[in-house]
Amino acid sequence: MPAMCQWPDEAIITACHLFYQRHGCWPTRRDFTPARQLPSLTVVTRRMRTWEEPVRQAQAQLKGGA
């Protein structure tokens, strides 16, 4: 799995999209683990301040078609 330096913001958001496609739901704080092919919760909160932020951005991109 990628190390922290390999998880830029856009990669975290993309991982949220992929999680949604695989599982049919958005990741929760408990899902942020390399075992689920997501960065760890620690990595996400260090990069994006909260675990909700990348999910919010992924949802906005999906709705906006970005």
Protein backbone atom coordinates (compact mmCIF):
# COMPACT_ATOMS: atom_id res chain seq x y z
CA MET A 1 0.00 0.00 0.00
CA PRO A 2 1.15 3.56 -0.61
CA ALA A 3 3.03 5.35 2.14
CA MET A 4 1.92 8.77 3.39
CA CYS A 5 4.06 10.62 0.85
CA GLN A 6 2.28 8.67 -1.89
CA TRP A 7 -1.18 9.88 -0.88
CA PRO A 8 -1.62 13.39 -2.25
CA ASP A 9 -5.08 14.90 -1.78
CA GLU A 10 -6.33 13.92 -5.23
CA ALA A 11 -5.24 10.30 -4.71
CA ILE A 12 -7.21 10.16 -1.45
CA ILE A 13 -10.30 11.54 -3.20
CA THR A 14 -9.86 9.04 -6.04
CA ALA A 15 -9.58 6.21 -3.51
CA CYS A 16 -12.91 7.36 -2.02
CA HIS A 17 -14.49 7.17 -5.49
CA LEU A 18 -13.12 3.65 -5.99
CA PHE A 19 -14.38 2.58 -2.58
CA TYR A 20 -17.82 3.87 -3.51
CA GLN A 21 -17.77 1.97 -6.79
CA ARG A 22 -16.71 -1.28 -5.09
CA HIS A 23 -18.97 -1.11 -2.02
CA GLY A 24 -21.92 1.06 -3.05
CA CYS A 25 -21.39 3.42 -0.13
CA TRP A 26 -18.92 6.11 0.87
CA PRO A 27 -16.14 5.22 3.30
CA THR A 28 -16.57 5.99 6.98
CA ARG A 29 -13.81 6.80 9.43
CA ARG A 30 -13.40 3.07 10.20
CA ASP A 31 -12.86 2.30 6.52
CA PHE A 32 -9.73 4.45 6.24
CA THR A 33 -7.20 1.64 6.48
CA PRO A 34 -4.76 0.15 3.97
CA ALA A 35 -6.61 -3.17 4.33
CA ARG A 36 -9.53 -1.51 2.53
CA GLN A 37 -7.26 0.03 -0.11
CA LEU A 38 -7.55 3.48 1.46
CA PRO A 39 -4.93 5.50 3.30
CA SER A 40 -4.93 5.23 7.06
CA LEU A 41 -7.12 7.55 9.09
CA THR A 42 -3.98 9.26 10.39
CA VAL A 43 -2.75 10.01 6.87
CA VAL A 44 -6.13 11.39 5.82
CA THR A 45 -6.51 13.66 8.83
CA ARG A 46 -2.94 14.95 8.49
CA ARG A 47 -3.40 15.73 4.80
CA MET A 48 -7.02 16.91 4.76
CA ARG A 49 -7.78 17.84 8.41
CA THR A 50 -10.79 15.50 8.75
CA TRP A 51 -11.78 12.13 7.34
CA GLU A 52 -15.02 13.67 6.05
CA GLU A 53 -13.26 16.15 3.76
CA PRO A 54 -12.10 13.75 1.02
CA VAL A 55 -15.51 12.05 1.06
CA ARG A 56 -17.24 15.44 0.74
CA GLN A 57 -14.98 16.40 -2.16
CA ALA A 58 -15.51 13.04 -3.89
CA GLN A 59 -19.28 13.40 -3.56
CA ALA A 60 -19.13 16.95 -4.92
CA GLN A 61 -17.07 15.83 -7.92
CA LEU A 62 -19.53 13.03 -8.62
CA LYS A 63 -22.51 15.39 -8.46
CA GLY A 64 -20.76 18.10 -10.45
CA GLY A 65 -19.37 15.76 -13.04
CA ALA A 66 -15.86 17.05 -12.35
